[in-house]
Amino acid sequence: MSDSSQGAGSAAGSKRKDVRRNQQALLDAAGAVFVASGVDAPVRDIAAKVGVGVGTVYRHFPTRADLVIAVYRHQVDACAEAGPVLLSTSSTPYAALGQWVDLFVDFLVTKHGLAAAMQGDSTGFETLHAYFLDRLLPVCTELIDAAAASGEIRSDLDAYHLMRGIGNLCIGAESDPRYDARQLVALLVAGLRQPS
């Protein structure tokens, strides 16, 4: 391989990294805007948060549904990756579970607008729901098992039921400024504590 072809390969690799980094920045910004303003927030708000033009957002995500789906997958991945990190860095497994649940609530508030954004694409929605369960159930199970093994919470808790309960408490949080889902979820998590 000649030096010029190695240089071209290196430049292409660097460009791909820049594109991925830009895309990640857009997804992070879109997620934050969606949490604050819902999935119908103007694309210009997302672009402004990153410091790019609206055209840049549309180059990466041609439709709102593309953007919402990408944010959904990005946040599922972030939630899944956070679990083991929180377990290794938190003072207790119960503290890690509580911090993870906070991330999960933020994700759920973003997720509630997904169905409308997908406009009847039931197959696409089912695929994303399966992805959600495949990625997050094992993480939640690991956190619950660690907190139960440490004696901090009850040992008869099922991750699916906890996630489902949290999801139900988050319904409506994006459309009612008086409703604080996080406060109710915190009460639910506090209720998991093993009596001393």
N, C-alpha and C. Protein backbone atom coordinates (compact mmCIF):
# COMPACT_ATOMS: atom_id res chain seq x y z
N MET A 1 0.85 -1.18 0.00
CA MET A 1 0.00 0.00 0.00
C MET A 1 0.90 1.24 0.00
N SER A 2 0.60 2.18 -0.86
CA SER A 2 1.43 3.38 -0.97
C SER A 2 1.06 4.37 0.12
N ASP A 3 1.97 5.33 0.34
CA ASP A 3 1.72 6.35 1.35
C ASP A 3 0.46 7.16 1.03
N SER A 4 0.23 7.42 -0.27
CA SER A 4 -0.94 8.22 -0.63
C SER A 4 -2.23 7.46 -0.35
N SER A 5 -2.25 6.13 -0.58
CA SER A 5 -3.47 5.38 -0.30
C SER A 5 -3.67 5.23 1.20
N GLN A 6 -2.56 5.14 1.97
CA GLN A 6 -2.69 5.09 3.43
C GLN A 6 -3.24 6.42 3.94
N GLY A 7 -2.73 7.53 3.37
CA GLY A 7 -3.21 8.85 3.76
C GLY A 7 -4.68 9.02 3.45
N ALA A 8 -5.11 8.53 2.28
CA ALA A 8 -6.52 8.62 1.90
C ALA A 8 -7.38 7.78 2.85
N GLY A 9 -6.89 6.59 3.20
CA GLY A 9 -7.63 5.73 4.13
C GLY A 9 -7.74 6.37 5.49
N SER A 10 -6.66 6.99 5.94
CA SER A 10 -6.66 7.66 7.23
C SER A 10 -7.60 8.86 7.23
N ALA A 11 -7.60 9.61 6.12
CA ALA A 11 -8.50 10.77 6.01
C ALA A 11 -9.95 10.31 6.01
N ALA A 12 -10.24 9.22 5.30
CA ALA A 12 -11.60 8.69 5.27
C ALA A 12 -12.03 8.21 6.65
N GLY A 13 -11.12 7.53 7.36
CA GLY A 13 -11.42 7.07 8.72
C GLY A 13 -11.67 8.23 9.65
N SER A 14 -10.88 9.28 9.51
CA SER A 14 -11.04 10.48 10.33
C SER A 14 -12.38 11.15 10.03
N LYS A 15 -12.74 11.17 8.75
CA LYS A 15 -14.02 11.79 8.35
C LYS A 15 -15.19 10.99 8.93
N ARG A 16 -15.08 9.64 8.88
CA ARG A 16 -16.15 8.81 9.45
C ARG A 16 -16.29 9.07 10.95
N LYS A 17 -15.16 9.23 11.64
CA LYS A 17 -15.20 9.52 13.08
C LYS A 17 -15.88 10.87 13.32
N ASP A 18 -15.57 11.86 12.49
CA ASP A 18 -16.20 13.18 12.62
C ASP A 18 -17.70 13.09 12.40
N VAL A 19 -18.11 12.32 11.38
CA VAL A 19 -19.53 12.15 11.10
C VAL A 19 -20.22 11.48 12.28
N ARG A 20 -19.60 10.42 12.82
CA ARG A 20 -20.19 9.72 13.98
C ARG A 20 -20.27 10.66 15.19
N ARG A 21 -19.21 11.43 15.42
CA ARG A 21 -19.19 12.37 16.55
C ARG A 21 -20.29 13.43 16.38
N ASN A 22 -20.43 13.96 15.16
CA ASN A 22 -21.48 14.95 14.89
C ASN A 22 -22.86 14.35 15.09
N GLN A 23 -23.03 13.12 14.63
CA GLN A 23 -24.31 12.45 14.77
C GLN A 23 -24.63 12.21 16.25
N GLN A 24 -23.63 11.81 17.03
CA GLN A 24 -23.83 11.60 18.47
C GLN A 24 -24.22 12.91 19.15
N ALA A 25 -23.56 14.01 18.77
CA ALA A 25 -23.89 15.32 19.34
C ALA A 25 -25.33 15.70 19.00
N LEU A 26 -25.75 15.44 17.77
CA LEU A 26 -27.14 15.72 17.38
C LEU A 26 -28.13 14.87 18.17
N LEU A 27 -27.80 13.59 18.36
CA LEU A 27 -28.69 12.71 19.11
C LEU A 27 -28.79 13.13 20.58
N ASP A 28 -27.66 13.51 21.17
CA ASP A 28 -27.68 13.98 22.56
C ASP A 28 -28.52 15.25 22.68
N ALA A 29 -28.32 16.18 21.75
CA ALA A 29 -29.08 17.43 21.77
C ALA A 29 -30.56 17.17 21.55
N ALA A 30 -30.88 16.32 20.58
CA ALA A 30 -32.29 16.02 20.29
C ALA A 30 -32.94 15.36 21.50
N GLY A 31 -32.23 14.45 22.15
CA GLY A 31 -32.77 13.81 23.35
C GLY A 31 -33.08 14.83 24.43
N ALA A 32 -32.17 15.77 24.66
CA ALA A 32 -32.38 16.81 25.68
C ALA A 32 -33.56 17.71 25.30
N VAL A 33 -33.64 18.08 24.04
CA VAL A 33 -34.75 18.92 23.58
C VAL A 33 -36.07 18.17 23.69
N PHE A 34 -36.08 16.89 23.33
CA PHE A 34 -37.30 16.09 23.42
C PHE A 34 -37.76 15.96 24.87
N VAL A 35 -36.82 15.78 25.81
CA VAL A 35 -37.20 15.68 27.22
C VAL A 35 -37.82 17.01 27.68
N ALA A 36 -37.22 18.11 27.27
CA ALA A 36 -37.71 19.43 27.70
C ALA A 36 -39.00 19.85 26.99
N SER A 37 -39.11 19.53 25.68
CA SER A 37 -40.21 20.09 24.88
C SER A 37 -41.05 19.07 24.12
N GLY A 38 -40.72 17.80 24.21
CA GLY A 38 -41.46 16.78 23.49
C GLY A 38 -40.90 16.54 22.09
N VAL A 39 -41.33 15.44 21.46
CA VAL A 39 -40.78 15.06 20.16
C VAL A 39 -41.22 15.96 19.02
N ASP A 40 -42.18 16.84 19.28
CA ASP A 40 -42.62 17.78 18.25
C ASP A 40 -41.84 19.09 18.30
N ALA A 41 -40.81 19.16 19.14
CA ALA A 41 -40.01 20.39 19.25
C ALA A 41 -39.42 20.73 17.88
N PRO A 42 -39.29 22.02 17.58
CA PRO A 42 -38.74 22.42 16.29
C PRO A 42 -37.31 21.92 16.09
N VAL A 43 -37.02 21.47 14.88
CA VAL A 43 -35.67 21.00 14.54
C VAL A 43 -34.66 22.12 14.75
N ARG A 44 -35.06 23.36 14.56
CA ARG A 44 -34.13 24.48 14.74
C ARG A 44 -33.63 24.55 16.19
N ASP A 45 -34.46 24.11 17.16
CA ASP A 45 -34.02 24.09 18.56
C ASP A 45 -32.89 23.09 18.76
N ILE A 46 -33.00 21.95 18.09
CA ILE A 46 -31.96 20.92 18.18
C ILE A 46 -30.69 21.42 17.51
N ALA A 47 -30.84 21.99 16.32
CA ALA A 47 -29.68 22.52 15.59
C ALA A 47 -28.98 23.61 16.40
N ALA A 48 -29.75 24.48 17.02
CA ALA A 48 -29.16 25.58 17.81
C ALA A 48 -28.41 25.04 19.01
N LYS A 49 -28.93 23.99 19.62
CA LYS A 49 -28.28 23.40 20.80
C LYS A 49 -26.90 22.86 20.46
N VAL A 50 -26.74 22.35 19.23
CA VAL A 50 -25.46 21.80 18.79
C VAL A 50 -24.59 22.87 18.13
N GLY A 51 -25.24 23.94 17.65
CA GLY A 51 -24.49 24.99 16.96
C GLY A 51 -24.28 24.69 15.49
N VAL A 52 -25.28 24.05 14.87
CA VAL A 52 -25.22 23.74 13.44
C VAL A 52 -26.48 24.28 12.78
N GLY A 53 -26.50 24.23 11.46
CA GLY A 53 -27.68 24.64 10.72
C GLY A 53 -28.72 23.52 10.68
N VAL A 54 -29.95 23.90 10.41
CA VAL A 54 -31.05 22.93 10.31
C VAL A 54 -30.76 21.89 9.23
N GLY A 55 -30.12 22.33 8.14
CA GLY A 55 -29.78 21.41 7.05
C GLY A 55 -28.89 20.27 7.51
N THR A 56 -28.02 20.52 8.47
CA THR A 56 -27.14 19.47 8.99
C THR A 56 -27.97 18.38 9.68
N VAL A 57 -28.98 18.80 10.43
CA VAL A 57 -29.84 17.82 11.09
C VAL A 57 -30.53 16.96 10.03
N TYR A 58 -31.08 17.60 8.99
CA TYR A 58 -31.80 16.86 7.95
C TYR A 58 -30.87 15.99 7.10
N ARG A 59 -29.61 16.36 6.98
CA ARG A 59 -28.65 15.50 6.26
C ARG A 59 -28.47 14.18 6.99
N HIS A 60 -28.42 14.24 8.32
CA HIS A 60 -28.26 13.02 9.12
C HIS A 60 -29.57 12.26 9.29
N PHE A 61 -30.68 13.02 9.43
CA PHE A 61 -31.98 12.42 9.72
C PHE A 61 -33.02 13.09 8.82
N PRO A 62 -33.28 12.51 7.63
CA PRO A 62 -34.15 13.17 6.64
C PRO A 62 -35.58 13.43 7.11
N THR A 63 -36.10 12.62 8.03
CA THR A 63 -37.46 12.85 8.52
C THR A 63 -37.46 12.91 10.04
N ARG A 64 -38.52 13.47 10.60
CA ARG A 64 -38.66 13.51 12.06
C ARG A 64 -38.69 12.09 12.62
N ALA A 65 -39.38 11.18 11.94
CA ALA A 65 -39.42 9.79 12.41
C ALA A 65 -38.01 9.20 12.47
N ASP A 66 -37.18 9.49 11.46
CA ASP A 66 -35.79 9.00 11.49
C ASP A 66 -35.06 9.52 12.72
N LEU A 67 -35.26 10.79 13.02
CA LEU A 67 -34.60 11.40 14.17
C LEU A 67 -35.11 10.81 15.47
N VAL A 68 -36.41 10.68 15.61
CA VAL A 68 -36.99 10.14 16.85
C VAL A 68 -36.53 8.71 17.07
N ILE A 69 -36.53 7.90 16.02
CA ILE A 69 -36.09 6.50 16.14
C ILE A 69 -34.62 6.44 16.53
N ALA A 70 -33.80 7.28 15.92
CA ALA A 70 -32.37 7.29 16.23
C ALA A 70 -32.13 7.73 17.67
N VAL A 71 -32.89 8.73 18.14
CA VAL A 71 -32.77 9.17 19.54
C VAL A 71 -33.19 8.04 20.47
N TYR A 72 -34.28 7.37 20.12
CA TYR A 72 -34.79 6.25 20.91
C TYR A 72 -33.71 5.18 21.07
N ARG A 73 -33.13 4.74 19.96
CA ARG A 73 -32.09 3.70 20.01
C ARG A 73 -30.86 4.19 20.77
N HIS A 74 -30.48 5.44 20.55
CA HIS A 74 -29.33 6.04 21.21
C HIS A 74 -29.54 6.05 22.73
N GLN A 75 -30.75 6.42 23.15
CA GLN A 75 -31.03 6.49 24.58
C GLN A 75 -31.18 5.10 25.20
N VAL A 76 -31.70 4.15 24.46
CA VAL A 76 -31.74 2.77 24.95
C VAL A 76 -30.30 2.30 25.19
N ASP A 77 -29.44 2.54 24.22
CA ASP A 77 -28.04 2.14 24.36
C ASP A 77 -27.37 2.82 25.55
N ALA A 78 -27.62 4.12 25.71
CA ALA A 78 -27.02 4.86 26.83
C ALA A 78 -27.52 4.31 28.17
N CYS A 79 -28.81 4.00 28.26
CA CYS A 79 -29.37 3.42 29.48
C CYS A 79 -28.74 2.05 29.76
N ALA A 80 -28.61 1.26 28.72
CA ALA A 80 -28.05 -0.08 28.88
C ALA A 80 -26.59 0.00 29.34
N GLU A 81 -25.83 0.90 28.74
CA GLU A 81 -24.41 1.02 29.08
C GLU A 81 -24.21 1.64 30.46
N ALA A 82 -25.16 2.45 30.92
CA ALA A 82 -25.02 3.11 32.22
C ALA A 82 -25.14 2.14 33.39
N GLY A 83 -25.94 1.10 33.24
CA GLY A 83 -26.17 0.18 34.36
C GLY A 83 -24.90 -0.38 34.98
N PRO A 84 -24.05 -1.06 34.20
CA PRO A 84 -22.82 -1.62 34.78
C PRO A 84 -21.88 -0.55 35.33
N VAL A 85 -21.84 0.61 34.67
CA VAL A 85 -20.98 1.70 35.14
C VAL A 85 -21.47 2.18 36.51
N LEU A 86 -22.78 2.37 36.64
CA LEU A 86 -23.34 2.81 37.92
C LEU A 86 -23.11 1.78 39.02
N LEU A 87 -23.22 0.50 38.69
CA LEU A 87 -22.96 -0.54 39.68
C LEU A 87 -21.53 -0.49 40.19
N SER A 88 -20.61 -0.19 39.30
CA SER A 88 -19.20 -0.19 39.72
C SER A 88 -18.77 1.12 40.37
N THR A 89 -19.53 2.20 40.21
CA THR A 89 -19.11 3.49 40.74
C THR A 89 -19.99 4.03 41.87
N SER A 90 -21.15 3.47 42.09
CA SER A 90 -22.06 3.97 43.12
C SER A 90 -21.69 3.41 44.49
N SER A 91 -22.14 4.10 45.52
CA SER A 91 -21.81 3.68 46.89
C SER A 91 -22.46 2.34 47.25
N THR A 92 -23.64 2.07 46.70
CA THR A 92 -24.33 0.80 46.96
C THR A 92 -25.08 0.38 45.70
N PRO A 93 -25.43 -0.90 45.60
CA PRO A 93 -26.25 -1.33 44.46
C PRO A 93 -27.62 -0.63 44.42
N TYR A 94 -28.19 -0.35 45.59
CA TYR A 94 -29.47 0.36 45.62
C TYR A 94 -29.32 1.78 45.07
N ALA A 95 -28.22 2.44 45.41
CA ALA A 95 -27.96 3.78 44.88
C ALA A 95 -27.81 3.71 43.35
N ALA A 96 -27.13 2.68 42.87
CA ALA A 96 -26.97 2.50 41.41
C ALA A 96 -28.33 2.29 40.75
N LEU A 97 -29.18 1.49 41.37
CA LEU A 97 -30.53 1.26 40.83
C LEU A 97 -31.30 2.57 40.77
N GLY A 98 -31.25 3.36 41.83
CA GLY A 98 -31.96 4.64 41.85
C GLY A 98 -31.47 5.59 40.76
N GLN A 99 -30.16 5.65 40.57
CA GLN A 99 -29.61 6.53 39.53
C GLN A 99 -29.99 6.03 38.14
N TRP A 100 -29.98 4.71 37.98
CA TRP A 100 -30.36 4.15 36.68
C TRP A 100 -31.84 4.42 36.39
N VAL A 101 -32.68 4.31 37.40
CA VAL A 101 -34.11 4.57 37.22
C VAL A 101 -34.32 6.02 36.79
N ASP A 102 -33.54 6.97 37.35
CA ASP A 102 -33.65 8.37 36.91
C ASP A 102 -33.37 8.50 35.41
N LEU A 103 -32.33 7.81 34.93
CA LEU A 103 -32.02 7.83 33.49
C LEU A 103 -33.16 7.21 32.68
N PHE A 104 -33.70 6.13 33.20
CA PHE A 104 -34.79 5.42 32.54
C PHE A 104 -36.02 6.33 32.43
N VAL A 105 -36.32 7.09 33.49
CA VAL A 105 -37.46 8.01 33.46
C VAL A 105 -37.26 9.07 32.39
N ASP A 106 -36.06 9.65 32.31
CA ASP A 106 -35.78 10.63 31.26
C ASP A 106 -36.02 10.03 29.88
N PHE A 107 -35.56 8.80 29.71
CA PHE A 107 -35.76 8.11 28.45
C PHE A 107 -37.25 7.91 28.16
N LEU A 108 -38.01 7.48 29.16
CA LEU A 108 -39.43 7.21 28.94
C LEU A 108 -40.21 8.47 28.57
N VAL A 109 -39.86 9.59 29.17
CA VAL A 109 -40.55 10.84 28.83
C VAL A 109 -40.31 11.15 27.35
N THR A 110 -39.10 10.90 26.86
CA THR A 110 -38.80 11.09 25.44
C THR A 110 -39.59 10.11 24.58
N LYS A 111 -39.69 8.88 25.03
CA LYS A 111 -40.28 7.79 24.25
C LYS A 111 -41.78 7.97 24.01
N HIS A 112 -42.48 8.65 24.89
CA HIS A 112 -43.93 8.70 24.76
C HIS A 112 -44.42 9.32 23.46
N GLY A 113 -43.65 10.16 22.81
CA GLY A 113 -44.07 10.72 21.54
C GLY A 113 -43.72 9.85 20.35
N LEU A 114 -43.07 8.73 20.60
CA LEU A 114 -42.60 7.88 19.50
C LEU A 114 -43.75 7.36 18.65
N ALA A 115 -44.80 6.88 19.26
CA ALA A 115 -45.89 6.28 18.50
C ALA A 115 -46.45 7.26 17.47
N ALA A 116 -46.68 8.49 17.88
CA ALA A 116 -47.21 9.49 16.95
C ALA A 116 -46.21 9.78 15.84
N ALA A 117 -44.93 9.85 16.19
CA ALA A 117 -43.90 10.15 15.20
C ALA A 117 -43.77 9.04 14.16
N MET A 118 -44.07 7.81 14.56
CA MET A 118 -43.94 6.69 13.63
C MET A 118 -45.16 6.55 12.72
N GLN A 119 -46.25 7.23 13.03
CA GLN A 119 -47.45 7.30 12.20
C GLN A 119 -47.90 5.96 11.63
N GLY A 120 -48.23 5.06 12.54
CA GLY A 120 -48.83 3.80 12.12
C GLY A 120 -47.88 2.74 11.63
N ASP A 121 -46.57 2.93 11.76
CA ASP A 121 -45.61 1.89 11.35
C ASP A 121 -45.49 0.88 12.48
N SER A 122 -46.51 -0.01 12.60
CA SER A 122 -46.55 -0.92 13.74
C SER A 122 -45.37 -1.89 13.73
N THR A 123 -44.90 -2.30 12.55
CA THR A 123 -43.75 -3.21 12.48
C THR A 123 -42.50 -2.53 13.00
N GLY A 124 -42.29 -1.28 12.60
CA GLY A 124 -41.13 -0.53 13.09
C GLY A 124 -41.20 -0.32 14.58
N PHE A 125 -42.40 -0.01 15.09
CA PHE A 125 -42.57 0.20 16.52
C PHE A 125 -42.30 -1.09 17.29
N GLU A 126 -42.81 -2.21 16.80
CA GLU A 126 -42.59 -3.51 17.46
C GLU A 126 -41.11 -3.86 17.47
N THR A 127 -40.41 -3.57 16.39
CA THR A 127 -38.97 -3.84 16.32
C THR A 127 -38.24 -3.03 17.38
N LEU A 128 -38.60 -1.75 17.51
CA LEU A 128 -37.97 -0.91 18.53
C LEU A 128 -38.31 -1.37 19.94
N HIS A 129 -39.55 -1.81 20.15
CA HIS A 129 -39.93 -2.29 21.47
C HIS A 129 -39.14 -3.54 21.84
N ALA A 130 -38.95 -4.43 20.87
CA ALA A 130 -38.15 -5.64 21.12
C ALA A 130 -36.70 -5.24 21.44
N TYR A 131 -36.17 -4.26 20.73
CA TYR A 131 -34.81 -3.77 20.98
C TYR A 131 -34.71 -3.22 22.41
N PHE A 132 -35.71 -2.44 22.80
CA PHE A 132 -35.81 -1.88 24.14
C PHE A 132 -35.74 -2.98 25.20
N LEU A 133 -36.57 -4.00 25.05
CA LEU A 133 -36.61 -5.09 26.03
C LEU A 133 -35.30 -5.89 26.03
N ASP A 134 -34.78 -6.20 24.84
CA ASP A 134 -33.54 -6.98 24.75
C ASP A 134 -32.37 -6.26 25.41
N ARG A 135 -32.31 -4.95 25.29
CA ARG A 135 -31.19 -4.19 25.84
C ARG A 135 -31.37 -3.84 27.31
N LEU A 136 -32.59 -3.50 27.73
CA LEU A 136 -32.77 -2.94 29.07
C LEU A 136 -33.19 -3.94 30.14
N LEU A 137 -33.94 -4.97 29.79
CA LEU A 137 -34.34 -5.95 30.81
C LEU A 137 -33.13 -6.59 31.50
N PRO A 138 -32.11 -7.03 30.75
CA PRO A 138 -30.96 -7.64 31.45
C PRO A 138 -30.24 -6.65 32.38
N VAL A 139 -30.17 -5.39 31.99
CA VAL A 139 -29.50 -4.38 32.82
C VAL A 139 -30.30 -4.15 34.10
N CYS A 140 -31.60 -3.97 33.97
CA CYS A 140 -32.45 -3.77 35.14
C CYS A 140 -32.39 -4.99 36.05
N THR A 141 -32.39 -6.18 35.47
CA THR A 141 -32.29 -7.42 36.25
C THR A 141 -30.98 -7.46 37.03
N GLU A 142 -29.89 -7.07 36.38
CA GLU A 142 -28.58 -7.06 37.05
C GLU A 142 -28.58 -6.09 38.24
N LEU A 143 -29.15 -4.92 38.05
CA LEU A 143 -29.22 -3.93 39.13
C LEU A 143 -30.09 -4.42 40.29
N ILE A 144 -31.24 -4.98 39.97
CA ILE A 144 -32.15 -5.51 40.99
C ILE A 144 -31.48 -6.65 41.74
N ASP A 145 -30.86 -7.57 41.00
CA ASP A 145 -30.21 -8.72 41.64
C ASP A 145 -29.09 -8.28 42.58
N ALA A 146 -28.32 -7.28 42.17
CA ALA A 146 -27.22 -6.78 43.01
C ALA A 146 -27.77 -6.13 44.28
N ALA A 147 -28.83 -5.33 44.14
CA ALA A 147 -29.42 -4.67 45.31
C ALA A 147 -30.08 -5.69 46.24
N ALA A 148 -30.69 -6.73 45.66
CA ALA A 148 -31.29 -7.78 46.49
C ALA A 148 -30.21 -8.60 47.20
N ALA A 149 -29.14 -8.92 46.48
CA ALA A 149 -28.04 -9.70 47.07
C ALA A 149 -27.38 -8.95 48.22
N SER A 150 -27.38 -7.62 48.15
CA SER A 150 -26.79 -6.82 49.24
C SER A 150 -27.76 -6.63 50.40
N GLY A 151 -28.99 -7.12 50.24
CA GLY A 151 -29.98 -7.01 51.30
C GLY A 151 -30.68 -5.66 51.35
N GLU A 152 -30.48 -4.82 50.33
CA GLU A 152 -31.08 -3.48 50.35
C GLU A 152 -32.53 -3.46 49.89
N ILE A 153 -32.90 -4.38 49.01
CA ILE A 153 -34.28 -4.42 48.52
C ILE A 153 -34.81 -5.85 48.62
N ARG A 154 -36.09 -5.96 48.44
CA ARG A 154 -36.74 -7.28 48.44
C ARG A 154 -36.16 -8.15 47.34
N SER A 155 -36.17 -9.44 47.54
CA SER A 155 -35.59 -10.35 46.54
C SER A 155 -36.61 -10.89 45.56
N ASP A 156 -37.89 -10.55 45.72
CA ASP A 156 -38.93 -11.10 44.85
C ASP A 156 -39.36 -10.14 43.76
N LEU A 157 -38.48 -9.20 43.41
CA LEU A 157 -38.82 -8.18 42.42
C LEU A 157 -38.42 -8.63 41.02
N ASP A 158 -39.30 -8.42 40.07
CA ASP A 158 -39.05 -8.78 38.68
C ASP A 158 -38.78 -7.50 37.86
N ALA A 159 -37.72 -7.52 37.06
CA ALA A 159 -37.32 -6.33 36.30
C ALA A 159 -38.43 -5.88 35.34
N TYR A 160 -39.07 -6.81 34.68
CA TYR A 160 -40.12 -6.43 33.73
C TYR A 160 -41.24 -5.67 34.46
N HIS A 161 -41.66 -6.18 35.60
CA HIS A 161 -42.74 -5.53 36.33
C HIS A 161 -42.32 -4.15 36.85
N LEU A 162 -41.09 -4.02 37.32
CA LEU A 162 -40.61 -2.71 37.77
C LEU A 162 -40.58 -1.73 36.61
N MET A 163 -40.02 -2.14 35.48
CA MET A 163 -39.94 -1.26 34.32
C MET A 163 -41.34 -0.88 33.84
N ARG A 164 -42.24 -1.83 33.85
CA ARG A 164 -43.62 -1.58 33.43
C ARG A 164 -44.30 -0.58 34.36
N GLY A 165 -44.10 -0.75 35.68
CA GLY A 165 -44.67 0.17 36.65
C GLY A 165 -44.13 1.58 36.49
N ILE A 166 -42.83 1.69 36.28
CA ILE A 166 -42.22 3.00 36.06
C ILE A 166 -42.79 3.63 34.79
N GLY A 167 -42.91 2.82 33.75
CA GLY A 167 -43.49 3.31 32.50
C GLY A 167 -44.89 3.85 32.69
N ASN A 168 -45.70 3.14 33.46
CA ASN A 168 -47.07 3.58 33.70
C ASN A 168 -47.10 4.90 34.47
N LEU A 169 -46.16 5.08 35.40
CA LEU A 169 -46.11 6.33 36.17
C LEU A 169 -45.67 7.51 35.29
N CYS A 170 -44.97 7.22 34.20
CA CYS A 170 -44.48 8.29 33.32
C CYS A 170 -45.50 8.75 32.29
N ILE A 171 -46.57 8.01 32.12
CA ILE A 171 -47.58 8.39 31.13
C ILE A 171 -48.17 9.75 31.48
N GLY A 172 -48.17 10.64 30.52
CA GLY A 172 -48.74 11.96 30.70
C GLY A 172 -47.76 13.00 31.21
N ALA A 173 -46.57 12.59 31.62
CA ALA A 173 -45.59 13.54 32.18
C ALA A 173 -45.17 14.59 31.16
N GLU A 174 -45.16 14.21 29.88
CA GLU A 174 -44.71 15.15 28.86
C GLU A 174 -45.75 16.21 28.52
N SER A 175 -46.99 15.98 28.90
CA SER A 175 -48.04 16.92 28.50
C SER A 175 -48.70 17.66 29.68
N ASP A 176 -48.31 17.33 30.90
CA ASP A 176 -48.91 17.98 32.07
C ASP A 176 -47.81 18.56 32.95
N PRO A 177 -47.59 19.87 32.88
CA PRO A 177 -46.50 20.47 33.65
C PRO A 177 -46.68 20.34 35.17
N ARG A 178 -47.89 20.06 35.62
CA ARG A 178 -48.12 19.90 37.06
C ARG A 178 -47.76 18.50 37.55
N TYR A 179 -47.60 17.57 36.63
CA TYR A 179 -47.34 16.18 37.01
C TYR A 179 -45.85 15.89 36.98
N ASP A 180 -45.31 15.45 38.10
CA ASP A 180 -43.89 15.13 38.21
C ASP A 180 -43.72 13.62 38.36
N ALA A 181 -43.54 12.96 37.24
CA ALA A 181 -43.39 11.50 37.25
C ALA A 181 -42.19 11.08 38.08
N ARG A 182 -41.12 11.85 38.02
CA ARG A 182 -39.90 11.47 38.75
C ARG A 182 -40.17 11.38 40.25
N GLN A 183 -41.01 12.26 40.78
CA GLN A 183 -41.32 12.24 42.21
C GLN A 183 -42.05 10.94 42.57
N LEU A 184 -43.01 10.54 41.76
CA LEU A 184 -43.74 9.30 42.03
C LEU A 184 -42.85 8.07 41.85
N VAL A 185 -42.00 8.11 40.84
CA VAL A 185 -41.08 6.98 40.62
C VAL A 185 -40.12 6.88 41.80
N ALA A 186 -39.67 8.01 42.34
CA ALA A 186 -38.78 7.99 43.52
C ALA A 186 -39.49 7.33 44.70
N LEU A 187 -40.79 7.59 44.87
CA LEU A 187 -41.54 6.93 45.94
C LEU A 187 -41.61 5.41 45.70
N LEU A 188 -41.80 5.03 44.44
CA LEU A 188 -41.83 3.61 44.10
C LEU A 188 -40.48 2.95 44.44
N VAL A 189 -39.39 3.58 44.05
CA VAL A 189 -38.06 3.02 44.30
C VAL A 189 -37.79 2.98 45.81
N ALA A 190 -38.22 4.01 46.54
CA ALA A 190 -38.05 4.00 48.00
C ALA A 190 -38.82 2.84 48.62
N GLY A 191 -39.97 2.51 48.04
CA GLY A 191 -40.77 1.41 48.55
C GLY A 191 -40.15 0.03 48.31
N LEU A 192 -39.13 -0.04 47.50
CA LEU A 192 -38.45 -1.31 47.27
C LEU A 192 -37.52 -1.69 48.42
N ARG A 193 -37.18 -0.69 49.27
CA ARG A 193 -36.21 -0.92 50.34
C ARG A 193 -36.70 -2.03 51.27
N GLN A 194 -35.77 -2.82 51.67
CA GLN A 194 -36.01 -3.89 52.64
C GLN A 194 -36.19 -3.23 54.02
N PRO A 195 -37.26 -3.57 54.76
CA PRO A 195 -37.40 -2.97 56.08
C PRO A 195 -36.21 -3.38 56.97
N SER A 196 -35.74 -2.42 57.78
CA SER A 196 -34.59 -2.75 58.64
C SER A 196 -35.01 -3.25 60.00
